Amino acid sequence: MIEIADQDTHHVVNVEFHDRSTYNSHHFTDHHKFSLASLGPRGIAYAAPIEGTNPSQVAYKPYAGWGRSSSGDWQVALPEGEDVVAIAAGGTPTRRSYKGKNADEGESEGAGNVVVATDKGYIRFFTGSGMQRYIWSLGDDVVSMVAGKEWVFLVHRAGGTSLDGAYRFFLG
């Protein structure tokens, strides 16, 4: 569960898990005012909308880095005028616990990945380390999406502006 408490000038984000034997709870102060989030198998992706002159932000916090000085967290500002409409965190599920001091040993599967859909019709693919590796121009309105190990499933509204629009999906 991701819970956000609005404090006017910032948000306080609390993350809780049902499986407390594998994941630690986590909380932090968010000055970007994230409004979207996605729990993935390797970490959590967050997105904040455009606010005034501040661009839309995408952030990722891998579970293995929680509470460490070299945490692996990253943040990217989208190009001016481009806003996030959907976000999905993917990656290889793990069988080990993210608790304890050796939680990040043996990370052969990597830190996951993040997929971002924007209001300009772009789908941006980021590695778990924050590098954009691919951008795709879908051109349609994304309704929802989910990411896995090496795929993303998108539901989008195909062209037109009517509310009776046909919905399509894409698995890539």
N, C-alpha and C. Protein backbone atom coordinates (compact mmCIF):
# COMPACT_ATOMS: atom_id res chain seq x y z
N MET A 1 0.83 -1.16 0.00
CA MET A 1 0.00 0.00 0.00
C MET A 1 0.89 1.24 0.00
N ILE A 2 0.52 2.19 -0.82
CA ILE A 2 1.20 3.47 -0.83
C ILE A 2 0.18 4.51 -0.38
N GLU A 3 0.50 5.20 0.69
CA GLU A 3 -0.39 6.21 1.25
C GLU A 3 0.33 7.56 1.21
N ILE A 4 -0.39 8.58 0.74
CA ILE A 4 0.20 9.92 0.65
C ILE A 4 -0.60 10.86 1.52
N ALA A 5 0.09 11.59 2.38
CA ALA A 5 -0.54 12.62 3.21
C ALA A 5 -0.10 13.98 2.69
N ASP A 6 -1.06 14.78 2.25
CA ASP A 6 -0.77 16.11 1.71
C ASP A 6 -0.55 17.08 2.87
N GLN A 7 0.62 17.72 2.88
CA GLN A 7 0.97 18.68 3.92
C GLN A 7 1.06 20.10 3.36
N ASP A 8 0.30 20.41 2.32
CA ASP A 8 0.28 21.70 1.62
C ASP A 8 1.56 21.97 0.84
N THR A 9 2.71 22.07 1.48
CA THR A 9 3.97 22.38 0.78
C THR A 9 4.69 21.13 0.31
N HIS A 10 4.31 19.96 0.83
CA HIS A 10 4.95 18.70 0.46
C HIS A 10 4.00 17.55 0.79
N HIS A 11 4.39 16.35 0.40
CA HIS A 11 3.66 15.14 0.76
C HIS A 11 4.53 14.29 1.67
N VAL A 12 3.90 13.50 2.51
CA VAL A 12 4.59 12.45 3.26
C VAL A 12 4.09 11.14 2.67
N VAL A 13 5.02 10.33 2.15
CA VAL A 13 4.68 9.07 1.50
C VAL A 13 5.01 7.91 2.44
N ASN A 14 4.02 7.05 2.71
CA ASN A 14 4.21 5.85 3.53
C ASN A 14 3.94 4.63 2.68
N VAL A 15 4.86 3.68 2.72
CA VAL A 15 4.73 2.43 1.97
C VAL A 15 4.70 1.28 2.97
N GLU A 16 3.65 0.48 2.91
CA GLU A 16 3.48 -0.67 3.80
C GLU A 16 3.26 -1.92 2.96
N PHE A 17 3.74 -3.08 3.46
CA PHE A 17 3.59 -4.35 2.76
C PHE A 17 2.88 -5.36 3.65
N HIS A 18 2.07 -6.20 3.03
CA HIS A 18 1.44 -7.30 3.75
C HIS A 18 2.50 -8.31 4.18
N ASP A 19 3.44 -8.61 3.28
CA ASP A 19 4.51 -9.57 3.56
C ASP A 19 5.68 -8.84 4.22
N ARG A 20 5.65 -8.74 5.52
CA ARG A 20 6.69 -8.01 6.25
C ARG A 20 7.95 -8.84 6.46
N SER A 21 7.92 -10.10 6.08
CA SER A 21 9.12 -10.93 6.18
C SER A 21 10.07 -10.66 5.02
N THR A 22 9.55 -10.11 3.92
CA THR A 22 10.36 -9.83 2.73
C THR A 22 10.69 -8.36 2.57
N TYR A 23 9.75 -7.48 2.87
CA TYR A 23 9.91 -6.05 2.63
C TYR A 23 9.83 -5.24 3.91
N ASN A 24 10.65 -4.22 3.99
CA ASN A 24 10.56 -3.24 5.07
C ASN A 24 9.56 -2.17 4.70
N SER A 25 8.90 -1.60 5.70
CA SER A 25 8.07 -0.43 5.46
C SER A 25 9.00 0.74 5.18
N HIS A 26 8.45 1.77 4.57
CA HIS A 26 9.30 2.88 4.13
C HIS A 26 8.47 4.16 4.14
N HIS A 27 9.08 5.26 4.51
CA HIS A 27 8.41 6.55 4.39
C HIS A 27 9.44 7.62 4.06
N PHE A 28 8.96 8.66 3.36
CA PHE A 28 9.85 9.76 3.00
C PHE A 28 9.04 11.02 2.73
N THR A 29 9.72 12.15 2.74
CA THR A 29 9.11 13.44 2.42
C THR A 29 9.27 13.69 0.94
N ASP A 30 8.18 14.05 0.29
CA ASP A 30 8.15 14.24 -1.16
C ASP A 30 7.82 15.70 -1.47
N HIS A 31 8.79 16.44 -2.00
CA HIS A 31 8.58 17.85 -2.33
C HIS A 31 8.06 18.05 -3.75
N HIS A 32 8.02 16.97 -4.55
CA HIS A 32 7.51 17.06 -5.92
C HIS A 32 6.00 16.81 -6.00
N LYS A 33 5.43 16.30 -4.92
CA LYS A 33 4.00 15.97 -4.83
C LYS A 33 3.59 14.92 -5.86
N PHE A 34 4.19 13.73 -5.72
CA PHE A 34 3.87 12.60 -6.59
C PHE A 34 2.37 12.31 -6.55
N SER A 35 1.79 12.01 -7.72
CA SER A 35 0.36 11.70 -7.78
C SER A 35 0.11 10.32 -8.39
N LEU A 36 1.14 9.69 -8.96
CA LEU A 36 1.03 8.34 -9.52
C LEU A 36 2.15 7.48 -8.93
N ALA A 37 1.87 6.19 -8.79
CA ALA A 37 2.89 5.26 -8.30
C ALA A 37 2.60 3.86 -8.83
N SER A 38 3.63 3.04 -8.88
CA SER A 38 3.49 1.65 -9.30
C SER A 38 4.43 0.78 -8.48
N LEU A 39 3.87 -0.19 -7.77
CA LEU A 39 4.67 -1.16 -7.02
C LEU A 39 5.15 -2.23 -7.99
N GLY A 40 6.46 -2.38 -8.11
CA GLY A 40 7.02 -3.39 -8.99
C GLY A 40 7.72 -4.47 -8.19
N PRO A 41 8.22 -5.50 -8.85
CA PRO A 41 8.90 -6.58 -8.14
C PRO A 41 10.27 -6.18 -7.58
N ARG A 42 10.87 -5.09 -8.09
CA ARG A 42 12.20 -4.66 -7.66
C ARG A 42 12.23 -3.29 -6.99
N GLY A 43 11.13 -2.51 -7.14
CA GLY A 43 11.10 -1.18 -6.57
C GLY A 43 9.80 -0.49 -6.90
N ILE A 44 9.71 0.79 -6.52
CA ILE A 44 8.49 1.57 -6.73
C ILE A 44 8.81 2.76 -7.63
N ALA A 45 7.97 2.95 -8.65
CA ALA A 45 8.09 4.10 -9.54
C ALA A 45 7.04 5.13 -9.14
N TYR A 46 7.44 6.39 -9.16
CA TYR A 46 6.55 7.50 -8.81
C TYR A 46 6.56 8.52 -9.94
N ALA A 47 5.48 9.29 -10.04
CA ALA A 47 5.43 10.37 -11.03
C ALA A 47 4.69 11.57 -10.44
N ALA A 48 5.19 12.75 -10.76
CA ALA A 48 4.56 14.01 -10.33
C ALA A 48 4.17 14.79 -11.57
N PRO A 49 3.01 15.45 -11.53
CA PRO A 49 2.56 16.23 -12.69
C PRO A 49 3.32 17.54 -12.82
N ILE A 50 3.14 18.19 -13.95
CA ILE A 50 3.67 19.54 -14.14
C ILE A 50 3.01 20.43 -13.10
N GLU A 51 3.82 21.25 -12.44
CA GLU A 51 3.28 22.18 -11.45
C GLU A 51 3.92 23.54 -11.65
N GLY A 52 3.14 24.46 -12.19
CA GLY A 52 3.67 25.80 -12.48
C GLY A 52 4.76 25.72 -13.53
N THR A 53 5.95 26.18 -13.17
CA THR A 53 7.09 26.13 -14.09
C THR A 53 7.92 24.86 -13.91
N ASN A 54 7.54 24.02 -12.95
CA ASN A 54 8.28 22.78 -12.70
C ASN A 54 7.81 21.68 -13.65
N PRO A 55 8.76 21.00 -14.31
CA PRO A 55 8.37 19.93 -15.24
C PRO A 55 7.87 18.69 -14.50
N SER A 56 7.21 17.81 -15.22
CA SER A 56 6.76 16.54 -14.69
C SER A 56 7.98 15.71 -14.29
N GLN A 57 7.91 15.01 -13.16
CA GLN A 57 9.02 14.24 -12.62
C GLN A 57 8.70 12.75 -12.58
N VAL A 58 9.70 11.93 -12.83
CA VAL A 58 9.61 10.48 -12.68
C VAL A 58 10.71 10.08 -11.71
N ALA A 59 10.38 9.25 -10.73
CA ALA A 59 11.38 8.80 -9.75
C ALA A 59 11.22 7.30 -9.54
N TYR A 60 12.32 6.66 -9.13
CA TYR A 60 12.31 5.22 -8.87
C TYR A 60 13.13 4.95 -7.61
N LYS A 61 12.58 4.11 -6.74
CA LYS A 61 13.26 3.74 -5.50
C LYS A 61 13.30 2.22 -5.42
N PRO A 62 14.47 1.61 -5.73
CA PRO A 62 14.57 0.15 -5.64
C PRO A 62 14.53 -0.31 -4.18
N TYR A 63 13.87 -1.42 -3.92
CA TYR A 63 13.75 -1.93 -2.56
C TYR A 63 15.11 -2.21 -1.92
N ALA A 64 16.04 -2.73 -2.70
CA ALA A 64 17.34 -3.11 -2.16
C ALA A 64 18.11 -1.92 -1.61
N GLY A 65 17.79 -0.71 -2.03
CA GLY A 65 18.52 0.47 -1.57
C GLY A 65 17.91 1.19 -0.40
N TRP A 66 16.74 0.77 0.08
CA TRP A 66 16.08 1.49 1.16
C TRP A 66 16.93 1.51 2.41
N GLY A 67 17.18 2.71 2.93
CA GLY A 67 17.94 2.87 4.17
C GLY A 67 19.44 2.83 3.98
N ARG A 68 19.93 2.91 2.75
CA ARG A 68 21.37 2.89 2.50
C ARG A 68 21.80 4.21 1.87
N SER A 69 23.04 4.60 2.12
CA SER A 69 23.52 5.86 1.56
C SER A 69 23.66 5.79 0.04
N SER A 70 24.05 4.64 -0.50
CA SER A 70 24.12 4.46 -1.96
C SER A 70 22.88 3.68 -2.38
N SER A 71 21.74 4.34 -2.34
CA SER A 71 20.47 3.65 -2.45
C SER A 71 20.08 3.22 -3.86
N GLY A 72 20.59 3.85 -4.90
CA GLY A 72 20.19 3.51 -6.26
C GLY A 72 18.95 4.26 -6.71
N ASP A 73 18.41 5.16 -5.87
CA ASP A 73 17.26 5.99 -6.26
C ASP A 73 17.66 6.89 -7.42
N TRP A 74 16.72 7.19 -8.28
CA TRP A 74 16.97 8.15 -9.35
C TRP A 74 15.71 8.95 -9.64
N GLN A 75 15.92 10.07 -10.30
CA GLN A 75 14.83 10.96 -10.65
C GLN A 75 15.15 11.63 -11.97
N VAL A 76 14.11 11.76 -12.83
CA VAL A 76 14.27 12.35 -14.16
C VAL A 76 13.15 13.36 -14.37
N ALA A 77 13.50 14.52 -14.91
CA ALA A 77 12.50 15.51 -15.31
C ALA A 77 12.17 15.27 -16.78
N LEU A 78 10.88 15.23 -17.12
CA LEU A 78 10.48 15.07 -18.51
C LEU A 78 10.67 16.39 -19.25
N PRO A 79 10.74 16.35 -20.59
CA PRO A 79 10.87 17.58 -21.36
C PRO A 79 9.73 18.56 -21.06
N GLU A 80 10.01 19.83 -21.22
CA GLU A 80 9.05 20.88 -20.93
C GLU A 80 7.72 20.65 -21.66
N GLY A 81 6.62 20.74 -20.92
CA GLY A 81 5.29 20.59 -21.50
C GLY A 81 4.81 19.16 -21.63
N GLU A 82 5.61 18.18 -21.27
CA GLU A 82 5.22 16.77 -21.36
C GLU A 82 4.88 16.26 -19.97
N ASP A 83 3.68 15.68 -19.80
CA ASP A 83 3.20 15.27 -18.49
C ASP A 83 2.95 13.76 -18.46
N VAL A 84 3.24 13.13 -17.33
CA VAL A 84 3.02 11.69 -17.15
C VAL A 84 1.52 11.44 -16.96
N VAL A 85 0.99 10.42 -17.68
CA VAL A 85 -0.40 10.01 -17.49
C VAL A 85 -0.52 8.59 -16.92
N ALA A 86 0.54 7.78 -17.06
CA ALA A 86 0.54 6.42 -16.50
C ALA A 86 1.98 5.99 -16.26
N ILE A 87 2.18 5.13 -15.27
CA ILE A 87 3.52 4.65 -14.94
C ILE A 87 3.42 3.19 -14.51
N ALA A 88 4.43 2.40 -14.86
CA ALA A 88 4.47 0.98 -14.48
C ALA A 88 5.90 0.59 -14.14
N ALA A 89 6.06 -0.15 -13.05
CA ALA A 89 7.38 -0.66 -12.64
C ALA A 89 7.40 -2.16 -12.92
N GLY A 90 8.45 -2.62 -13.57
CA GLY A 90 8.57 -4.04 -13.90
C GLY A 90 9.92 -4.58 -13.47
N GLY A 91 10.19 -5.81 -13.84
CA GLY A 91 11.46 -6.45 -13.50
C GLY A 91 11.25 -7.91 -13.14
N THR A 92 12.34 -8.58 -12.85
CA THR A 92 12.31 -9.99 -12.47
C THR A 92 11.95 -10.13 -11.00
N PRO A 93 10.91 -10.88 -10.67
CA PRO A 93 10.60 -11.10 -9.25
C PRO A 93 11.75 -11.84 -8.57
N THR A 94 11.92 -11.61 -7.30
CA THR A 94 12.99 -12.26 -6.55
C THR A 94 12.40 -13.21 -5.51
N ARG A 95 13.19 -14.16 -5.09
CA ARG A 95 12.74 -15.11 -4.07
C ARG A 95 13.38 -14.81 -2.72
N ARG A 96 14.16 -13.78 -2.66
CA ARG A 96 14.86 -13.49 -1.41
C ARG A 96 14.25 -12.28 -0.72
N SER A 97 14.66 -12.08 0.49
CA SER A 97 14.15 -10.97 1.29
C SER A 97 14.94 -9.70 1.01
N TYR A 98 14.27 -8.56 1.09
CA TYR A 98 14.93 -7.26 0.98
C TYR A 98 15.27 -6.71 2.34
N LYS A 99 15.16 -7.52 3.36
CA LYS A 99 15.51 -7.10 4.71
C LYS A 99 16.94 -7.52 5.03
N GLY A 100 17.56 -6.83 5.97
CA GLY A 100 18.89 -7.21 6.42
C GLY A 100 19.99 -6.47 5.70
N LYS A 101 21.19 -6.57 6.24
CA LYS A 101 22.32 -5.80 5.71
C LYS A 101 22.84 -6.32 4.38
N ASN A 102 22.59 -7.58 4.02
CA ASN A 102 23.08 -8.14 2.77
C ASN A 102 21.97 -8.22 1.72
N ALA A 103 20.97 -7.39 1.84
CA ALA A 103 19.80 -7.48 0.97
C ALA A 103 20.11 -7.24 -0.49
N ASP A 104 21.17 -6.51 -0.80
CA ASP A 104 21.45 -6.22 -2.21
C ASP A 104 22.55 -7.10 -2.80
N GLU A 105 23.00 -8.12 -2.08
CA GLU A 105 23.99 -9.04 -2.64
C GLU A 105 23.33 -9.95 -3.66
N GLY A 106 24.06 -10.29 -4.70
CA GLY A 106 23.55 -11.21 -5.71
C GLY A 106 22.47 -10.63 -6.58
N GLU A 107 22.55 -9.36 -6.89
CA GLU A 107 21.53 -8.70 -7.72
C GLU A 107 21.78 -8.96 -9.21
N SER A 108 21.88 -10.22 -9.60
CA SER A 108 22.15 -10.54 -11.00
C SER A 108 20.99 -10.20 -11.91
N GLU A 109 19.78 -10.09 -11.36
CA GLU A 109 18.61 -9.78 -12.17
C GLU A 109 18.43 -8.28 -12.38
N GLY A 110 19.23 -7.45 -11.77
CA GLY A 110 19.14 -6.01 -11.95
C GLY A 110 18.14 -5.36 -11.01
N ALA A 111 17.92 -4.06 -11.23
CA ALA A 111 17.08 -3.26 -10.34
C ALA A 111 15.68 -3.06 -10.89
N GLY A 112 15.33 -3.70 -11.99
CA GLY A 112 14.00 -3.55 -12.55
C GLY A 112 13.98 -2.57 -13.70
N ASN A 113 12.78 -2.09 -14.04
CA ASN A 113 12.62 -1.13 -15.12
C ASN A 113 11.36 -0.31 -14.88
N VAL A 114 11.25 0.81 -15.58
CA VAL A 114 10.12 1.71 -15.44
C VAL A 114 9.64 2.11 -16.83
N VAL A 115 8.32 2.08 -17.03
CA VAL A 115 7.72 2.49 -18.28
C VAL A 115 6.77 3.65 -17.97
N VAL A 116 6.89 4.73 -18.76
CA VAL A 116 6.11 5.95 -18.53
C VAL A 116 5.34 6.31 -19.79
N ALA A 117 4.03 6.56 -19.66
CA ALA A 117 3.22 7.05 -20.77
C ALA A 117 2.96 8.53 -20.51
N THR A 118 3.04 9.35 -21.58
CA THR A 118 2.85 10.79 -21.41
C THR A 118 1.66 11.30 -22.22
N ASP A 119 1.26 12.52 -21.91
CA ASP A 119 0.13 13.14 -22.61
C ASP A 119 0.46 13.51 -24.05
N LYS A 120 1.71 13.43 -24.45
CA LYS A 120 2.12 13.70 -25.83
C LYS A 120 2.09 12.44 -26.68
N GLY A 121 1.66 11.30 -26.10
CA GLY A 121 1.57 10.05 -26.84
C GLY A 121 2.85 9.24 -26.83
N TYR A 122 3.82 9.61 -26.00
CA TYR A 122 5.08 8.88 -25.93
C TYR A 122 5.04 7.83 -24.83
N ILE A 123 5.72 6.72 -25.09
CA ILE A 123 5.96 5.68 -24.10
C ILE A 123 7.47 5.65 -23.90
N ARG A 124 7.90 5.98 -22.70
CA ARG A 124 9.34 6.07 -22.39
C ARG A 124 9.74 4.87 -21.53
N PHE A 125 10.81 4.18 -21.92
CA PHE A 125 11.31 3.00 -21.23
C PHE A 125 12.61 3.35 -20.52
N PHE A 126 12.65 3.18 -19.20
CA PHE A 126 13.84 3.46 -18.40
C PHE A 126 14.36 2.17 -17.77
N THR A 127 15.68 2.09 -17.63
CA THR A 127 16.28 0.98 -16.89
C THR A 127 16.10 1.25 -15.41
N GLY A 128 16.36 0.25 -14.58
CA GLY A 128 16.28 0.41 -13.13
C GLY A 128 17.31 1.37 -12.58
N SER A 129 18.29 1.74 -13.41
CA SER A 129 19.30 2.72 -12.97
C SER A 129 18.99 4.12 -13.47
N GLY A 130 17.88 4.29 -14.19
CA GLY A 130 17.44 5.63 -14.59
C GLY A 130 17.80 6.07 -15.99
N MET A 131 18.41 5.21 -16.78
CA MET A 131 18.77 5.59 -18.14
C MET A 131 17.61 5.27 -19.09
N GLN A 132 17.21 6.27 -19.88
CA GLN A 132 16.16 6.03 -20.87
C GLN A 132 16.77 5.22 -22.00
N ARG A 133 16.21 4.04 -22.26
CA ARG A 133 16.80 3.19 -23.29
C ARG A 133 15.99 3.15 -24.57
N TYR A 134 14.72 3.66 -24.52
CA TYR A 134 13.88 3.59 -25.70
C TYR A 134 12.73 4.57 -25.53
N ILE A 135 12.29 5.15 -26.64
CA ILE A 135 11.09 5.99 -26.63
C ILE A 135 10.25 5.58 -27.83
N TRP A 136 8.97 5.44 -27.59
CA TRP A 136 8.06 4.97 -28.63
C TRP A 136 6.92 5.97 -28.72
N SER A 137 6.53 6.32 -29.94
CA SER A 137 5.42 7.25 -30.16
C SER A 137 4.16 6.45 -30.46
N LEU A 138 3.31 6.29 -29.45
CA LEU A 138 2.05 5.57 -29.60
C LEU A 138 1.01 6.48 -30.24
N GLY A 139 0.97 7.73 -29.80
CA GLY A 139 0.06 8.71 -30.37
C GLY A 139 -1.37 8.65 -29.85
N ASP A 140 -1.75 7.61 -29.14
CA ASP A 140 -3.10 7.47 -28.61
C ASP A 140 -3.09 7.72 -27.10
N ASP A 141 -4.29 7.87 -26.53
CA ASP A 141 -4.44 8.07 -25.09
C ASP A 141 -4.28 6.74 -24.36
N VAL A 142 -3.30 6.66 -23.45
CA VAL A 142 -3.11 5.46 -22.65
C VAL A 142 -4.12 5.47 -21.51
N VAL A 143 -4.82 4.35 -21.33
CA VAL A 143 -5.80 4.21 -20.26
C VAL A 143 -5.15 3.58 -19.04
N SER A 144 -4.35 2.53 -19.27
CA SER A 144 -3.69 1.82 -18.19
C SER A 144 -2.53 1.01 -18.75
N MET A 145 -1.61 0.63 -17.88
CA MET A 145 -0.52 -0.24 -18.31
C MET A 145 0.09 -0.95 -17.11
N VAL A 146 0.75 -2.06 -17.39
CA VAL A 146 1.44 -2.85 -16.39
C VAL A 146 2.71 -3.39 -17.05
N ALA A 147 3.78 -3.49 -16.28
CA ALA A 147 5.06 -3.96 -16.82
C ALA A 147 5.47 -5.26 -16.13
N GLY A 148 6.16 -6.11 -16.87
CA GLY A 148 6.69 -7.36 -16.35
C GLY A 148 8.20 -7.38 -16.50
N LYS A 149 8.75 -8.58 -16.56
CA LYS A 149 10.20 -8.74 -16.67
C LYS A 149 10.75 -8.08 -17.93
N GLU A 150 10.18 -8.40 -19.08
CA GLU A 150 10.67 -7.86 -20.35
C GLU A 150 9.52 -7.45 -21.26
N TRP A 151 8.40 -7.02 -20.69
CA TRP A 151 7.25 -6.64 -21.50
C TRP A 151 6.47 -5.55 -20.81
N VAL A 152 5.61 -4.90 -21.59
CA VAL A 152 4.65 -3.94 -21.05
C VAL A 152 3.32 -4.21 -21.75
N PHE A 153 2.24 -4.19 -21.00
CA PHE A 153 0.89 -4.38 -21.54
C PHE A 153 0.19 -3.03 -21.42
N LEU A 154 -0.22 -2.47 -22.56
CA LEU A 154 -0.86 -1.15 -22.61
C LEU A 154 -2.30 -1.28 -23.05
N VAL A 155 -3.18 -0.55 -22.41
CA VAL A 155 -4.55 -0.40 -22.88
C VAL A 155 -4.65 1.06 -23.29
N HIS A 156 -5.08 1.28 -24.54
CA HIS A 156 -5.15 2.66 -25.03
C HIS A 156 -6.42 2.87 -25.84
N ARG A 157 -6.81 4.12 -25.93
CA ARG A 157 -7.99 4.50 -26.71
C ARG A 157 -7.50 4.93 -28.08
N ALA A 158 -7.94 4.25 -29.08
CA ALA A 158 -7.47 4.49 -30.45
C ALA A 158 -8.11 5.73 -31.03
N GLY A 159 -7.29 6.70 -31.42
CA GLY A 159 -7.70 7.91 -32.14
C GLY A 159 -9.04 8.51 -31.78
N GLY A 160 -9.38 9.58 -32.44
CA GLY A 160 -10.67 10.23 -32.24
C GLY A 160 -10.80 10.89 -30.89
N THR A 161 -11.87 11.66 -30.75
CA THR A 161 -12.10 12.36 -29.49
C THR A 161 -13.43 12.01 -28.86
N SER A 162 -14.20 11.11 -29.48
CA SER A 162 -15.50 10.76 -28.92
C SER A 162 -15.33 9.83 -27.73
N LEU A 163 -16.30 9.87 -26.83
CA LEU A 163 -16.25 9.03 -25.64
C LEU A 163 -16.64 7.59 -25.92
N ASP A 164 -17.16 7.31 -27.11
CA ASP A 164 -17.53 5.93 -27.45
C ASP A 164 -16.34 5.17 -28.02
N GLY A 165 -15.15 5.78 -28.00
CA GLY A 165 -13.95 5.27 -28.63
C GLY A 165 -13.67 3.80 -28.40
N ALA A 166 -13.02 3.20 -29.35
CA ALA A 166 -12.63 1.80 -29.27
C ALA A 166 -11.35 1.71 -28.45
N TYR A 167 -11.31 0.75 -27.54
CA TYR A 167 -10.12 0.53 -26.74
C TYR A 167 -9.33 -0.62 -27.35
N ARG A 168 -8.04 -0.45 -27.37
CA ARG A 168 -7.15 -1.47 -27.92
C ARG A 168 -6.07 -1.77 -26.89
N PHE A 169 -5.39 -2.87 -27.09
CA PHE A 169 -4.28 -3.18 -26.20
C PHE A 169 -3.07 -3.52 -27.03
N PHE A 170 -1.93 -3.44 -26.39
CA PHE A 170 -0.66 -3.73 -27.03
C PHE A 170 0.21 -4.45 -26.00
N LEU A 171 0.84 -5.52 -26.41
CA LEU A 171 1.79 -6.24 -25.57
C LEU A 171 3.13 -6.18 -26.28
N GLY A 172 4.08 -5.49 -25.68
CA GLY A 172 5.39 -5.32 -26.32
C GLY A 172 6.52 -5.65 -25.41
